[in-house]
Amino acid sequence: MNYEKEFTDVKERIRQYEKWHAHLDRIRPNLEEQKQKAKQLKTILQDKQQDVDRLSGLSFSSLLHAVTGRKAEKIDEATALVLKAQLKYEEAEETMTDLHHELEEIDAHLHSLGNPKADFQRLLDLKKDVLLGEKNTALHSLVEAASTTTIYMNEIKEATEVGQKAKQALKSTIFSLNKASDWSTFDLFGGGFLTTAMKHSHVDDAKALIHQVQRHLRQFEEELKDVNQFTSFQIELTGFLTFADYFFDGFIVDWMVHGKIKDSHEQAVTLLAEVETTLSQLATIEKELHSDLEDIRKQKRAFILNA
């Protein structure tokens, strides 16, 4: 009697079904929040147009070029506010695009799963006569334990996979910031055209990468919520979702006002350490689950041999 694979397969589909529905319940309000955020930031950009001449309405790269190209002194507070708002506005718009794509992918996942709960009930009905026997009931308890442990391991693996993507994106961002920082040995507005152009190139790279980081961090936090909801383990959530906003705040102050990117770099390094700590926790849990599964299967083999 090999019920383990049958029960594990159908229970895994149930987990996926509940997981993606939980994601839908969280993504929809997040999408609405991003819409409101983009609306508010757009209002700020429009209101400040008279304070920054022709800068409002440009992309961040265009704003950056216009500011550093038109004046040698450090930028004023009004222009810094517009630059900061522009960065956050573009991030909100890109996040909305990501969320729309994710909703489409989740709908496709759910459609492919069919009705796993009904399938599970049919499997129980099919096997109920066999499972009613005293010995078979005990064996089924071991099968159930093995199935649950396997499903927990799947959840941990999914979270780890997304966390690794966030880790790699953060490493790439830090590398890009290091490159930009190398050019900060020159004065930001006095180092000549080539120095400024190279800095802008690395800033553009870092900006694109930070969106990737934020996307992966948001998905990582979603997976960690799944771990907390669908397993017996609890992982502390460290506020990954707010990273981009804090980063962009520091980015403007460091880069445009002080001519350096020390604080932004330190924020990324600190976050990388937090992600690595969480990944280490997941690895420890997965190792524990793997050991538990081996013990359960040993008990199952011994039970069958002694039956």
Protein backbone atom coordinates (compact mmCIF):
# COMPACT_ATOMS: atom_id res chain seq x y z
CA MET A 1 0.00 0.00 0.00
CA ASN A 2 1.69 3.19 -1.21
CA TYR A 3 -0.71 5.99 -0.31
CA GLU A 4 1.99 8.54 0.49
CA LYS A 5 2.47 9.89 -3.03
CA GLU A 6 -1.28 10.01 -3.75
CA PHE A 7 -2.08 11.90 -0.56
CA THR A 8 0.96 14.16 -0.85
CA ASP A 9 0.14 15.11 -4.44
CA VAL A 10 -3.45 16.07 -3.75
CA LYS A 11 -2.58 17.85 -0.48
CA GLU A 12 0.15 19.77 -2.30
CA ARG A 13 -2.46 20.96 -4.79
CA ILE A 14 -4.66 22.06 -1.89
CA ARG A 15 -1.72 23.99 -0.43
CA GLN A 16 -1.10 25.69 -3.77
CA TYR A 17 -4.80 26.49 -4.11
CA GLU A 18 -4.96 28.10 -0.65
CA LYS A 19 -1.58 29.80 -1.13
CA TRP A 20 -2.54 31.55 -4.37
CA HIS A 21 -5.91 32.62 -2.98
CA ALA A 22 -4.08 34.13 0.00
CA HIS A 23 -1.78 35.97 -2.41
CA LEU A 24 -4.79 37.35 -4.26
CA ASP A 25 -6.24 38.63 -0.99
CA ARG A 26 -3.00 40.51 -0.29
CA ILE A 27 -2.12 41.69 -3.80
CA ARG A 28 -5.45 43.41 -4.52
CA PRO A 29 -5.26 45.89 -1.62
CA ASN A 30 -1.54 46.37 -2.33
CA LEU A 31 -2.39 47.31 -5.91
CA GLU A 32 -4.97 49.82 -4.71
CA GLU A 33 -2.43 51.25 -2.26
CA GLN A 34 0.11 51.72 -5.08
CA LYS A 35 -2.52 53.46 -7.21
CA GLN A 36 -3.25 55.96 -4.42
CA LYS A 37 0.45 56.45 -3.78
CA ALA A 38 1.16 57.19 -7.46
CA LYS A 39 -1.76 59.63 -7.51
CA GLN A 40 -0.46 61.52 -4.48
CA LEU A 41 3.08 61.67 -5.85
CA LYS A 42 1.84 62.91 -9.22
CA THR A 43 0.01 65.71 -7.40
CA ILE A 44 3.24 66.68 -5.62
CA LEU A 45 5.06 66.80 -8.96
CA GLN A 46 2.37 68.99 -10.50
CA ASP A 47 2.20 71.31 -7.48
CA LYS A 48 5.95 71.85 -7.47
CA GLN A 49 6.24 72.62 -11.17
CA GLN A 50 6.51 76.35 -10.61
CA ASP A 51 9.34 75.84 -8.11
CA VAL A 52 11.57 73.86 -10.45
CA ASP A 53 10.88 75.56 -13.76
CA ARG A 54 10.67 73.01 -16.59
CA LEU A 55 11.73 69.95 -14.57
CA SER A 56 8.31 68.58 -13.64
CA GLY A 57 6.98 65.83 -15.87
CA LEU A 58 10.40 64.49 -16.89
CA SER A 59 11.72 61.04 -16.07
CA PHE A 60 14.13 60.78 -13.17
CA SER A 61 17.10 60.40 -15.53
CA SER A 62 16.04 63.54 -17.39
CA LEU A 63 15.56 65.41 -14.12
CA LEU A 64 18.98 64.35 -12.91
CA HIS A 65 20.62 65.48 -16.15
CA ALA A 66 18.76 68.80 -16.12
CA VAL A 67 19.72 69.55 -12.53
CA THR A 68 23.41 68.65 -12.77
CA GLY A 69 23.71 70.18 -16.20
CA ARG A 70 22.22 73.54 -15.41
CA LYS A 71 23.85 74.49 -12.10
CA ALA A 72 27.11 73.91 -10.32
CA GLU A 73 25.95 74.39 -6.74
CA LYS A 74 24.11 71.85 -4.65
CA ILE A 75 20.42 71.61 -5.43
CA ASP A 76 17.80 73.38 -3.36
CA GLU A 77 15.20 71.70 -1.17
CA ALA A 78 12.33 72.18 -3.65
CA THR A 79 14.22 70.43 -6.44
CA ALA A 80 15.31 67.64 -4.09
CA LEU A 81 11.64 67.09 -3.20
CA VAL A 82 10.71 66.78 -6.88
CA LEU A 83 13.55 64.35 -7.55
CA LYS A 84 12.51 62.24 -4.58
CA ALA A 85 8.86 62.28 -5.63
CA GLN A 86 9.80 61.35 -9.20
CA LEU A 87 11.79 58.33 -8.05
CA LYS A 88 8.94 57.11 -5.86
CA TYR A 89 6.35 57.80 -8.56
CA GLU A 90 8.25 55.72 -11.12
CA GLU A 91 8.68 52.93 -8.56
CA ALA A 92 4.94 52.93 -7.79
CA GLU A 93 4.08 52.77 -11.50
CA GLU A 94 6.49 49.88 -12.08
CA THR A 95 5.13 48.05 -9.02
CA MET A 96 1.58 48.37 -10.35
CA THR A 97 2.69 46.80 -13.62
CA ASP A 98 4.32 43.95 -11.68
CA LEU A 99 1.19 43.38 -9.60
CA HIS A 100 -1.07 43.26 -12.66
CA HIS A 101 1.20 40.61 -14.21
CA GLU A 102 1.22 38.63 -10.96
CA LEU A 103 -2.58 38.66 -10.79
CA GLU A 104 -2.71 37.20 -14.30
CA GLU A 105 -0.19 34.50 -13.37
CA ILE A 106 -2.11 33.59 -10.21
CA ASP A 107 -5.37 33.24 -12.16
CA ALA A 108 -3.58 30.83 -14.51
CA HIS A 109 -2.18 28.84 -11.57
CA LEU A 110 -5.59 28.54 -9.94
CA HIS A 111 -7.21 27.46 -13.19
CA SER A 112 -4.65 24.68 -13.62
CA LEU A 113 -5.27 23.34 -10.10
CA GLY A 114 -8.95 22.56 -10.69
CA ASN A 115 -10.80 21.62 -7.47
CA PRO A 116 -8.19 19.86 -5.29
CA LYS A 117 -10.40 19.76 -2.18
CA ALA A 118 -13.03 17.75 -4.05
CA ASP A 119 -10.30 15.48 -5.40
CA PHE A 120 -9.03 14.90 -1.87
CA GLN A 121 -12.49 13.95 -0.65
CA ARG A 122 -12.88 11.52 -3.56
CA LEU A 123 -9.54 9.94 -2.63
CA LEU A 124 -10.65 9.51 0.98
CA ASP A 125 -13.94 7.97 -0.12
CA LEU A 126 -12.07 5.58 -2.40
CA LYS A 127 -9.68 4.48 0.33
CA LYS A 128 -12.00 4.58 3.35
CA ASP A 129 -12.64 0.82 3.53
CA VAL A 130 -8.90 0.16 3.51
CA LEU A 131 -8.16 2.88 6.05
CA LEU A 132 -10.79 1.68 8.54
CA GLY A 133 -8.70 -1.33 9.48
CA GLU A 134 -6.84 -0.90 12.78
CA LYS A 135 -3.36 -1.50 11.34
CA ASN A 136 -4.05 0.50 8.22
CA THR A 137 -5.24 3.44 10.32
CA ALA A 138 -1.91 3.47 12.14
CA LEU A 139 -0.05 3.25 8.83
CA HIS A 140 -2.14 6.07 7.40
CA SER A 141 -1.11 8.28 10.35
CA LEU A 142 2.52 7.82 9.31
CA VAL A 143 1.64 8.52 5.68
CA GLU A 144 -0.18 11.67 6.76
CA ALA A 145 2.82 12.82 8.81
CA ALA A 146 5.19 12.22 5.88
CA SER A 147 2.85 14.06 3.53
CA THR A 148 2.58 17.07 5.84
CA THR A 149 6.34 17.24 6.32
CA THR A 150 6.91 17.08 2.56
CA ILE A 151 4.46 19.92 2.01
CA TYR A 152 6.19 22.01 4.69
CA MET A 153 9.49 21.41 2.89
CA ASN A 154 7.98 22.58 -0.40
CA GLU A 155 6.86 25.82 1.25
CA ILE A 156 10.31 26.42 2.71
CA LYS A 157 11.98 25.70 -0.64
CA GLU A 158 9.70 28.17 -2.44
CA ALA A 159 10.52 30.91 0.09
CA THR A 160 14.23 30.14 -0.17
CA GLU A 161 14.18 30.34 -3.97
CA VAL A 162 12.61 33.81 -3.94
CA GLY A 163 14.91 34.94 -1.12
CA GLN A 164 17.95 33.92 -3.14
CA LYS A 165 16.73 36.12 -6.00
CA ALA A 166 16.43 39.07 -3.60
CA LYS A 167 19.92 38.35 -2.29
CA GLN A 168 21.47 38.31 -5.77
CA ALA A 169 19.64 41.50 -6.78
CA LEU A 170 20.92 43.22 -3.63
CA LYS A 171 24.47 42.13 -4.37
CA SER A 172 24.18 43.56 -7.88
CA THR A 173 22.81 46.83 -6.47
CA ILE A 174 25.66 47.12 -3.98
CA PHE A 175 28.16 46.48 -6.78
CA SER A 176 26.56 49.25 -8.85
CA LEU A 177 26.61 51.63 -5.88
CA ASN A 178 30.27 50.82 -5.30
CA LYS A 179 31.00 51.72 -8.91
CA ALA A 180 29.12 55.00 -8.56
CA SER A 181 30.91 55.69 -5.29
CA ASP A 182 34.27 55.35 -7.01
CA TRP A 183 33.40 58.45 -9.01
CA SER A 184 32.58 60.34 -5.81
CA THR A 185 36.28 60.93 -5.20
CA PHE A 186 35.59 63.84 -7.56
CA ASP A 187 33.19 66.62 -6.71
CA LEU A 188 29.75 65.76 -8.12
CA PHE A 189 29.32 69.05 -9.92
CA GLY A 190 32.96 69.88 -10.51
CA GLY A 191 34.44 66.66 -11.86
CA GLY A 192 33.81 67.36 -15.48
CA PHE A 193 31.37 66.02 -18.06
CA LEU A 194 32.85 62.50 -18.24
CA THR A 195 32.76 62.02 -14.47
CA THR A 196 29.15 63.20 -14.28
CA ALA A 197 28.08 61.03 -17.22
CA MET A 198 29.66 57.94 -15.66
CA LYS A 199 27.95 58.65 -12.34
CA HIS A 200 24.60 59.02 -14.08
CA SER A 201 25.10 55.70 -15.84
CA HIS A 202 25.73 53.91 -12.55
CA VAL A 203 22.82 55.73 -10.91
CA ASP A 204 20.52 54.50 -13.70
CA ASP A 205 21.85 50.96 -13.16
CA ALA A 206 21.27 51.17 -9.41
CA LYS A 207 17.77 52.60 -9.89
CA ALA A 208 16.75 49.73 -12.19
CA LEU A 209 18.30 47.19 -9.85
CA ILE A 210 16.58 48.64 -6.79
CA HIS A 211 13.23 48.01 -8.45
CA GLN A 212 14.23 44.39 -8.98
CA VAL A 213 15.26 44.22 -5.33
CA GLN A 214 11.93 45.66 -4.20
CA ARG A 215 9.98 43.24 -6.40
CA HIS A 216 11.91 40.24 -5.10
CA LEU A 217 11.64 41.49 -1.50
CA ARG A 218 7.88 41.89 -1.84
CA GLN A 219 7.60 38.37 -3.23
CA PHE A 220 9.97 37.08 -0.50
CA GLU A 221 7.76 38.61 2.18
CA GLU A 222 4.73 36.99 0.54
CA GLU A 223 6.46 33.61 0.70
CA LEU A 224 7.43 34.15 4.35
CA LYS A 225 3.79 34.92 5.13
CA ASP A 226 2.94 31.60 3.48
CA VAL A 227 5.47 29.83 5.70
CA ASN A 228 3.85 31.40 8.76
CA GLN A 229 0.33 30.57 7.56
CA PHE A 230 0.73 27.09 6.09
CA THR A 231 3.42 25.52 8.28
CA SER A 232 4.04 25.19 12.00
CA PHE A 233 7.05 27.53 11.80
CA GLN A 234 7.14 31.29 12.31
CA ILE A 235 9.58 33.62 10.54
CA GLU A 236 9.86 37.24 11.66
CA LEU A 237 8.88 39.72 8.95
CA THR A 238 11.33 42.64 8.87
CA GLY A 239 9.48 45.20 6.76
CA PHE A 240 11.04 44.40 3.40
CA LEU A 241 8.19 46.20 1.61
CA THR A 242 9.32 49.66 2.72
CA PHE A 243 12.90 49.29 1.50
CA ALA A 244 12.58 51.18 -1.79
CA ASP A 245 11.04 54.26 -0.15
CA TYR A 246 13.77 54.47 2.49
CA PHE A 247 16.43 53.83 -0.13
CA PHE A 248 15.15 56.60 -2.40
CA ASP A 249 15.01 59.02 0.54
CA GLY A 250 18.65 58.36 1.35
CA PHE A 251 19.57 58.28 -2.32
CA ILE A 252 18.46 61.87 -2.89
CA VAL A 253 20.07 63.22 0.27
CA ASP A 254 23.36 61.40 -0.33
CA TRP A 255 23.73 61.71 -4.06
CA MET A 256 22.28 65.10 -4.89
CA VAL A 257 22.90 67.09 -1.70
CA HIS A 258 26.10 65.63 -0.25
CA GLY A 259 27.58 64.31 -3.48
CA LYS A 260 28.07 60.82 -2.06
CA ILE A 261 26.06 57.63 -1.61
CA LYS A 262 27.33 56.34 1.72
CA ASP A 263 23.97 56.03 3.49
CA SER A 264 22.23 54.39 0.53
CA HIS A 265 25.07 51.91 0.26
CA GLU A 266 24.88 51.13 3.98
CA GLN A 267 21.11 50.59 3.76
CA ALA A 268 21.58 48.05 0.98
CA VAL A 269 24.36 46.26 2.88
CA THR A 270 22.24 46.12 6.05
CA LEU A 271 19.28 44.74 4.15
CA LEU A 272 21.48 42.12 2.50
CA ALA A 273 22.54 40.94 5.95
CA GLU A 274 18.88 40.70 7.02
CA VAL A 275 17.99 38.67 3.93
CA GLU A 276 20.94 36.34 4.52
CA THR A 277 19.88 35.86 8.16
CA THR A 278 16.36 34.93 7.06
CA LEU A 279 17.72 32.53 4.42
CA SER A 280 19.87 30.91 7.10
CA GLN A 281 16.75 30.39 9.25
CA LEU A 282 14.98 28.77 6.31
CA ALA A 283 17.94 26.49 5.66
CA THR A 284 17.90 25.36 9.30
CA ILE A 285 14.17 24.63 9.11
CA GLU A 286 14.56 22.69 5.86
CA LYS A 287 17.34 20.59 7.37
CA GLU A 288 15.14 19.84 10.39
CA LEU A 289 12.22 18.86 8.18
CA HIS A 290 14.40 16.60 6.07
CA SER A 291 15.56 14.80 9.22
CA ASP A 292 11.95 14.46 10.42
CA LEU A 293 10.88 13.02 7.08
CA GLU A 294 13.63 10.41 7.16
CA ASP A 295 12.57 9.36 10.68
CA ILE A 296 8.91 9.07 9.64
CA ARG A 297 9.77 6.94 6.63
CA LYS A 298 11.96 4.66 8.75
CA GLN A 299 8.99 4.15 11.09
CA LYS A 300 6.77 3.44 8.10
CA ARG A 301 9.18 0.81 6.72
CA ALA A 302 9.51 -0.83 10.12
CA PHE A 303 5.72 -0.90 10.52
CA ILE A 304 5.25 -2.61 7.15
CA LEU A 305 7.97 -5.20 7.86
CA ASN A 306 6.47 -6.07 11.26
CA ALA A 307 2.83 -6.11 10.10
